[in-house]
């Protein structure tokens, strides 16, 4: 039961960090000149590419942390801080622009194919998403954790694809106000998760 709860928490955390609703306006803006079939293709490519990037870090997380001699508590503190910054951005308490710069957004508008950059990375599989994958990968101890872990990443990316695929309908239904309300609610939840990450890391450091 505890393992299932952990995967559900990771799924929710990853989905919030990837922020499909918050990134939907970017997707619609970058693809406004494309046909519906082209938009569908870009949604699939960006979600699939983001999935590959996150799965790669899931499989190589141990090697990366050992190579740089980074302990899990230290990574939890750093990761929690990054998540908290993202949460403040989603709550509109600090300026946006942490995932992409204005230059990247301008380039995205001008590019014919934006599926890889900036959609897949850094918007979807950016520093925050990669960090949360690495942090949770270190916490999983069950023998079947990696397959379930990868399945959770795939599930989150499928949700992102569906949000992009039905982007016009979702945007029309929620409107600007509705999208902001949902984003802020997710930001509040992410802030709580971020603080818990930092508390867990600090407790492990103090115990040692």
C-alpha atoms as a PDB file:
ATOM      1  CA  UNK A   1       0.000   0.000   0.000  1.00  0.00           C
ATOM      2  CA  UNK A   2       2.835   2.364   0.870  1.00  0.00           C
ATOM      3  CA  UNK A   3       4.540   1.602  -2.460  1.00  0.00           C
ATOM      4  CA  UNK A   4       1.364   2.372  -4.409  1.00  0.00           C
ATOM      5  CA  UNK A   5       0.963   5.623  -2.496  1.00  0.00           C
ATOM      6  CA  UNK A   6       4.567   6.556  -3.320  1.00  0.00           C
ATOM      7  CA  UNK A   7       4.001   6.012  -7.042  1.00  0.00           C
ATOM      8  CA  UNK A   8       0.766   8.015  -6.951  1.00  0.00           C
ATOM      9  CA  UNK A   9       2.581  10.865  -5.194  1.00  0.00           C
ATOM     10  CA  UNK A  10       5.400  10.719  -7.750  1.00  0.00           C
ATOM     11  CA  UNK A  11       2.892  10.694 -10.630  1.00  0.00           C
ATOM     12  CA  UNK A  12       1.099  13.758  -9.294  1.00  0.00           C
ATOM     13  CA  UNK A  13       4.382  15.564  -8.564  1.00  0.00           C
ATOM     14  CA  UNK A  14       5.785  14.857 -12.039  1.00  0.00           C
ATOM     15  CA  UNK A  15       2.553  15.905 -13.736  1.00  0.00           C
ATOM     16  CA  UNK A  16       2.506  19.159 -11.790  1.00  0.00           C
ATOM     17  CA  UNK A  17       6.136  19.881 -12.675  1.00  0.00           C
ATOM     18  CA  UNK A  18       5.515  19.112 -16.373  1.00  0.00           C
ATOM     19  CA  UNK A  19       2.495  21.417 -16.059  1.00  0.00           C
ATOM     20  CA  UNK A  20       0.560  20.490 -19.240  1.00  0.00           C
ATOM     21  CA  UNK A  21      -2.154  23.102 -18.615  1.00  0.00           C
ATOM     22  CA  UNK A  22       0.389  25.815 -17.902  1.00  0.00           C
ATOM     23  CA  UNK A  23       2.345  24.875 -21.041  1.00  0.00           C
ATOM     24  CA  UNK A  24      -0.783  24.579 -23.205  1.00  0.00           C
ATOM     25  CA  UNK A  25      -0.792  28.298 -24.133  1.00  0.00           C
ATOM     26  CA  UNK A  26       2.815  27.894 -25.362  1.00  0.00           C
ATOM     27  CA  UNK A  27       1.846  24.857 -27.433  1.00  0.00           C
ATOM     28  CA  UNK A  28      -1.088  26.708 -28.990  1.00  0.00           C
ATOM     29  CA  UNK A  29       1.030  29.797 -29.625  1.00  0.00           C
ATOM     30  CA  UNK A  30       3.897  27.838 -31.213  1.00  0.00           C
ATOM     31  CA  UNK A  31       1.561  25.783 -33.424  1.00  0.00           C
ATOM     32  CA  UNK A  32      -1.050  28.371 -34.406  1.00  0.00           C
ATOM     33  CA  UNK A  33       0.168  28.308 -38.021  1.00  0.00           C
ATOM     34  CA  UNK A  34       0.069  24.517 -38.282  1.00  0.00           C
ATOM     35  CA  UNK A  35      -2.753  22.279 -39.484  1.00  0.00           C
ATOM     36  CA  UNK A  36      -4.665  20.067 -37.020  1.00  0.00           C
ATOM     37  CA  UNK A  37      -2.761  16.983 -38.212  1.00  0.00           C
ATOM     38  CA  UNK A  38       0.567  18.769 -37.756  1.00  0.00           C
ATOM     39  CA  UNK A  39      -0.455  19.886 -34.260  1.00  0.00           C
ATOM     40  CA  UNK A  40      -1.377  16.314 -33.380  1.00  0.00           C
ATOM     41  CA  UNK A  41       1.982  15.083 -34.663  1.00  0.00           C
ATOM     42  CA  UNK A  42       3.888  17.742 -32.692  1.00  0.00           C
ATOM     43  CA  UNK A  43       1.951  16.873 -29.530  1.00  0.00           C
ATOM     44  CA  UNK A  44       2.928  13.215 -29.957  1.00  0.00           C
ATOM     45  CA  UNK A  45       6.588  13.932 -30.749  1.00  0.00           C
ATOM     46  CA  UNK A  46       7.057  16.406 -27.886  1.00  0.00           C
ATOM     47  CA  UNK A  47       5.418  14.069 -25.333  1.00  0.00           C
ATOM     48  CA  UNK A  48       7.351  11.031 -26.598  1.00  0.00           C
ATOM     49  CA  UNK A  49      10.671  12.900 -26.588  1.00  0.00           C
ATOM     50  CA  UNK A  50      10.066  14.205 -23.070  1.00  0.00           C
ATOM     51  CA  UNK A  51       9.247  10.650 -22.000  1.00  0.00           C
ATOM     52  CA  UNK A  52      12.519   9.324 -23.471  1.00  0.00           C
ATOM     53  CA  UNK A  53      14.539  12.027 -21.702  1.00  0.00           C
ATOM     54  CA  UNK A  54      12.948  11.304 -18.309  1.00  0.00           C
ATOM     55  CA  UNK A  55      13.230   7.525 -18.704  1.00  0.00           C
ATOM     56  CA  UNK A  56      16.908   7.952 -19.576  1.00  0.00           C
ATOM     57  CA  UNK A  57      17.541   9.859 -16.355  1.00  0.00           C
ATOM     58  CA  UNK A  58      15.485   7.275 -14.461  1.00  0.00           C
ATOM     59  CA  UNK A  59      17.769   4.481 -15.689  1.00  0.00           C
ATOM     60  CA  UNK A  60      21.025   6.400 -15.218  1.00  0.00           C
ATOM     61  CA  UNK A  61      20.168   8.263 -11.998  1.00  0.00           C
ATOM     62  CA  UNK A  62      22.336   6.093  -9.738  1.00  0.00           C
ATOM     63  CA  UNK A  63      25.375   6.501 -11.977  1.00  0.00           C
ATOM     64  CA  UNK A  64      24.953  10.274 -12.234  1.00  0.00           C
ATOM     65  CA  UNK A  65      24.673  10.798  -8.475  1.00  0.00           C
ATOM     66  CA  UNK A  66      27.565   8.419  -7.702  1.00  0.00           C
ATOM     67  CA  UNK A  67      29.735  10.040 -10.361  1.00  0.00           C
ATOM     68  CA  UNK A  68      29.303  13.462  -8.755  1.00  0.00           C
ATOM     69  CA  UNK A  69      29.371  12.018  -5.199  1.00  0.00           C
ATOM     70  CA  UNK A  70      25.934  13.442  -4.351  1.00  0.00           C
ATOM     71  CA  UNK A  71      24.058  11.949  -1.395  1.00  0.00           C
ATOM     72  CA  UNK A  72      20.279  11.501  -1.436  1.00  0.00           C
ATOM     73  CA  UNK A  73      19.579  13.947   1.453  1.00  0.00           C
ATOM     74  CA  UNK A  74      21.592  16.657  -0.313  1.00  0.00           C
ATOM     75  CA  UNK A  75      19.743  16.001  -3.547  1.00  0.00           C
ATOM     76  CA  UNK A  76      16.410  16.116  -1.728  1.00  0.00           C
ATOM     77  CA  UNK A  77      17.235  19.523  -0.264  1.00  0.00           C
ATOM     78  CA  UNK A  78      18.317  20.904  -3.641  1.00  0.00           C
ATOM     79  CA  UNK A  79      15.394  19.277  -5.429  1.00  0.00           C
ATOM     80  CA  UNK A  80      12.891  20.561  -2.887  1.00  0.00           C
ATOM     81  CA  UNK A  81      14.259  24.075  -3.320  1.00  0.00           C
ATOM     82  CA  UNK A  82      13.885  23.827  -7.105  1.00  0.00           C
ATOM     83  CA  UNK A  83      10.325  22.506  -6.761  1.00  0.00           C
ATOM     84  CA  UNK A  84       9.492  25.355  -4.395  1.00  0.00           C
ATOM     85  CA  UNK A  85      10.747  27.907  -6.913  1.00  0.00           C
ATOM     86  CA  UNK A  86       8.547  26.308  -9.580  1.00  0.00           C
ATOM     87  CA  UNK A  87       5.612  26.389  -7.167  1.00  0.00           C
ATOM     88  CA  UNK A  88       6.107  30.107  -6.518  1.00  0.00           C
ATOM     89  CA  UNK A  89       6.172  30.680 -10.267  1.00  0.00           C
ATOM     90  CA  UNK A  90       2.922  28.733 -10.719  1.00  0.00           C
ATOM     91  CA  UNK A  91       1.373  30.753  -7.875  1.00  0.00           C
ATOM     92  CA  UNK A  92       2.449  33.954  -9.684  1.00  0.00           C
ATOM     93  CA  UNK A  93       4.473  35.049  -6.641  1.00  0.00           C
ATOM     94  CA  UNK A  94       7.676  35.393  -8.669  1.00  0.00           C
ATOM     95  CA  UNK A  95       8.174  36.259 -12.354  1.00  0.00           C
ATOM     96  CA  UNK A  96       7.882  33.484 -14.922  1.00  0.00           C
ATOM     97  CA  UNK A  97      10.662  32.527 -17.311  1.00  0.00           C
ATOM     98  CA  UNK A  98      12.434  29.809 -15.337  1.00  0.00           C
ATOM     99  CA  UNK A  99      11.768  27.133 -17.930  1.00  0.00           C
ATOM    100  CA  UNK A 100      12.295  29.185 -21.051  1.00  0.00           C
ATOM    101  CA  UNK A 101      13.825  32.531 -21.845  1.00  0.00           C
ATOM    102  CA  UNK A 102      12.163  35.160 -24.033  1.00  0.00           C
ATOM    103  CA  UNK A 103      14.675  34.274 -26.762  1.00  0.00           C
ATOM    104  CA  UNK A 104      13.604  30.616 -26.681  1.00  0.00           C
ATOM    105  CA  UNK A 105       9.941  31.591 -26.833  1.00  0.00           C
ATOM    106  CA  UNK A 106      10.581  33.913 -29.791  1.00  0.00           C
ATOM    107  CA  UNK A 107      12.538  31.186 -31.563  1.00  0.00           C
ATOM    108  CA  UNK A 108       9.705  28.734 -30.882  1.00  0.00           C
ATOM    109  CA  UNK A 109       7.208  31.011 -32.605  1.00  0.00           C
ATOM    110  CA  UNK A 110       9.455  31.373 -35.637  1.00  0.00           C
ATOM    111  CA  UNK A 111      10.409  27.683 -35.940  1.00  0.00           C
ATOM    112  CA  UNK A 112       8.415  25.382 -38.172  1.00  0.00           C
ATOM    113  CA  UNK A 113       8.809  22.386 -35.863  1.00  0.00           C
ATOM    114  CA  UNK A 114       8.826  23.094 -32.142  1.00  0.00           C
ATOM    115  CA  UNK A 115       8.197  19.538 -30.938  1.00  0.00           C
ATOM    116  CA  UNK A 116      11.771  18.940 -29.738  1.00  0.00           C
ATOM    117  CA  UNK A 117      12.767  22.445 -28.638  1.00  0.00           C
ATOM    118  CA  UNK A 118      11.285  24.177 -26.754  1.00  0.00           C
ATOM    119  CA  UNK A 119       8.276  21.883 -26.149  1.00  0.00           C
ATOM    120  CA  UNK A 120       9.910  18.547 -25.223  1.00  0.00           C
ATOM    121  CA  UNK A 121      12.765  20.339 -23.517  1.00  0.00           C
ATOM    122  CA  UNK A 122      12.931  22.584 -21.579  1.00  0.00           C
ATOM    123  CA  UNK A 123       9.151  23.058 -21.201  1.00  0.00           C
ATOM    124  CA  UNK A 124       8.181  19.441 -20.445  1.00  0.00           C
ATOM    125  CA  UNK A 125      11.402  17.609 -19.552  1.00  0.00           C
ATOM    126  CA  UNK A 126      13.195  20.541 -17.991  1.00  0.00           C
ATOM    127  CA  UNK A 127      15.374  20.859 -14.875  1.00  0.00           C
ATOM    128  CA  UNK A 128      12.423  20.417 -12.522  1.00  0.00           C
ATOM    129  CA  UNK A 129      11.093  17.237 -14.139  1.00  0.00           C
ATOM    130  CA  UNK A 130      14.581  15.726 -14.386  1.00  0.00           C
ATOM    131  CA  UNK A 131      15.277  16.586 -10.748  1.00  0.00           C
ATOM    132  CA  UNK A 132      12.084  14.990  -9.467  1.00  0.00           C
ATOM    133  CA  UNK A 133      12.784  11.827 -11.485  1.00  0.00           C
ATOM    134  CA  UNK A 134      16.284  11.545 -10.032  1.00  0.00           C
ATOM    135  CA  UNK A 135      15.078  12.262  -6.493  1.00  0.00           C
ATOM    136  CA  UNK A 136      12.255   9.719  -6.538  1.00  0.00           C
ATOM    137  CA  UNK A 137      14.394   7.147  -8.323  1.00  0.00           C
ATOM    138  CA  UNK A 138      16.726   7.178  -5.327  1.00  0.00           C
ATOM    139  CA  UNK A 139      13.846   6.555  -2.911  1.00  0.00           C
ATOM    140  CA  UNK A 140      12.502   3.441  -4.647  1.00  0.00           C
ATOM    141  CA  UNK A 141      13.777   0.217  -3.060  1.00  0.00           C
ATOM    142  CA  UNK A 142      11.380  -2.532  -4.253  1.00  0.00           C
ATOM    143  CA  UNK A 143      12.735  -4.909  -6.976  1.00  0.00           C
ATOM    144  CA  UNK A 144       9.906  -3.964  -9.345  1.00  0.00           C
ATOM    145  CA  UNK A 145      10.224  -0.241  -8.664  1.00  0.00           C
ATOM    146  CA  UNK A 146      12.049   0.662 -11.900  1.00  0.00           C
ATOM    147  CA  UNK A 147       9.425  -0.866 -14.264  1.00  0.00           C
ATOM    148  CA  UNK A 148       6.620   0.792 -12.280  1.00  0.00           C
ATOM    149  CA  UNK A 149       8.656   3.986 -12.177  1.00  0.00           C
ATOM    150  CA  UNK A 150       9.000   4.008 -15.971  1.00  0.00           C
ATOM    151  CA  UNK A 151       5.290   3.178 -16.349  1.00  0.00           C
ATOM    152  CA  UNK A 152       4.456   6.181 -14.170  1.00  0.00           C
ATOM    153  CA  UNK A 153       6.586   8.463 -16.366  1.00  0.00           C
ATOM    154  CA  UNK A 154       4.891   7.094 -19.492  1.00  0.00           C
ATOM    155  CA  UNK A 155       1.454   7.660 -17.915  1.00  0.00           C
ATOM    156  CA  UNK A 156       2.292  11.285 -17.098  1.00  0.00           C
ATOM    157  CA  UNK A 157       3.515  11.883 -20.657  1.00  0.00           C
ATOM    158  CA  UNK A 158       0.311  10.363 -22.059  1.00  0.00           C
ATOM    159  CA  UNK A 159      -1.680  12.874 -19.996  1.00  0.00           C
ATOM    160  CA  UNK A 160       0.485  15.666 -21.426  1.00  0.00           C
ATOM    161  CA  UNK A 161      -0.154  14.401 -24.958  1.00  0.00           C
ATOM    162  CA  UNK A 162      -3.935  14.303 -24.384  1.00  0.00           C
ATOM    163  CA  UNK A 163      -3.926  17.855 -23.011  1.00  0.00           C
ATOM    164  CA  UNK A 164      -2.022  19.085 -26.070  1.00  0.00           C
ATOM    165  CA  UNK A 165      -4.136  17.003 -28.474  1.00  0.00           C
ATOM    166  CA  UNK A 166      -7.386  18.432 -27.101  1.00  0.00           C
ATOM    167  CA  UNK A 167      -5.732  21.783 -26.438  1.00  0.00           C
ATOM    168  CA  UNK A 168      -8.173  23.980 -28.334  1.00  0.00           C
ATOM    169  CA  UNK A 169     -11.194  22.442 -26.596  1.00  0.00           C
ATOM    170  CA  UNK A 170      -9.595  22.592 -23.154  1.00  0.00           C
ATOM    171  CA  UNK A 171      -8.509  26.190 -23.669  1.00  0.00           C
ATOM    172  CA  UNK A 172     -11.983  27.158 -24.850  1.00  0.00           C
ATOM    173  CA  UNK A 173     -13.656  25.374 -21.936  1.00  0.00           C
ATOM    174  CA  UNK A 174     -11.435  26.673 -19.136  1.00  0.00           C
ATOM    175  CA  UNK A 175     -10.568  30.049 -20.573  1.00  0.00           C
ATOM    176  CA  UNK A 176      -7.661  32.111 -19.286  1.00  0.00           C
ATOM    177  CA  UNK A 177      -9.140  32.464 -15.803  1.00  0.00           C
ATOM    178  CA  UNK A 178      -9.897  28.781 -15.392  1.00  0.00           C
ATOM    179  CA  UNK A 179      -6.427  27.771 -16.533  1.00  0.00           C
ATOM    180  CA  UNK A 180      -4.823  30.139 -14.039  1.00  0.00           C
ATOM    181  CA  UNK A 181      -6.966  28.838 -11.174  1.00  0.00           C
ATOM    182  CA  UNK A 182      -6.028  25.221 -11.917  1.00  0.00           C
ATOM    183  CA  UNK A 183      -2.359  26.154 -12.304  1.00  0.00           C
ATOM    184  CA  UNK A 184      -2.322  27.964  -8.961  1.00  0.00           C
ATOM    185  CA  UNK A 185      -3.991  25.064  -7.188  1.00  0.00           C
ATOM    186  CA  UNK A 186      -1.330  22.729  -8.598  1.00  0.00           C
ATOM    187  CA  UNK A 187       1.333  25.234  -7.560  1.00  0.00           C
ATOM    188  CA  UNK A 188       0.056  25.168  -3.988  1.00  0.00           C
ATOM    189  CA  UNK A 189       0.192  21.361  -3.931  1.00  0.00           C
ATOM    190  CA  UNK A 190       3.690  21.422  -5.400  1.00  0.00           C
ATOM    191  CA  UNK A 191       4.819  23.870  -2.697  1.00  0.00           C
ATOM    192  CA  UNK A 192       3.689  21.411   0.006  1.00  0.00           C
ATOM    193  CA  UNK A 193       5.499  18.525  -1.731  1.00  0.00           C
ATOM    194  CA  UNK A 194       8.630  20.688  -2.060  1.00  0.00           C
ATOM    195  CA  UNK A 195       8.681  21.533   1.646  1.00  0.00           C
ATOM    196  CA  UNK A 196       8.221  17.855   2.542  1.00  0.00           C
ATOM    197  CA  UNK A 197      11.177  16.979   0.294  1.00  0.00           C
ATOM    198  CA  UNK A 198      13.388  19.486   2.085  1.00  0.00           C
ATOM    199  CA  UNK A 199      12.200  18.356   5.527  1.00  0.00           C
ATOM    200  CA  UNK A 200      12.986  14.707   4.695  1.00  0.00           C
ATOM    201  CA  UNK A 201      16.449  15.617   3.429  1.00  0.00           C
ATOM    202  CA  UNK A 202      17.203  17.772   6.470  1.00  0.00           C
ATOM    203  CA  UNK A 203      16.039  15.048   8.878  1.00  0.00           C
ATOM    204  CA  UNK A 204      18.378  12.494   7.262  1.00  0.00           C
ATOM    205  CA  UNK A 205      21.307  14.925   7.488  1.00  0.00           C
ATOM    206  CA  UNK A 206      20.625  15.734  11.167  1.00  0.00           C
ATOM    207  CA  UNK A 207      20.296  12.037  12.079  1.00  0.00           C
ATOM    208  CA  UNK A 208      23.720  11.347  10.609  1.00  0.00           C
END
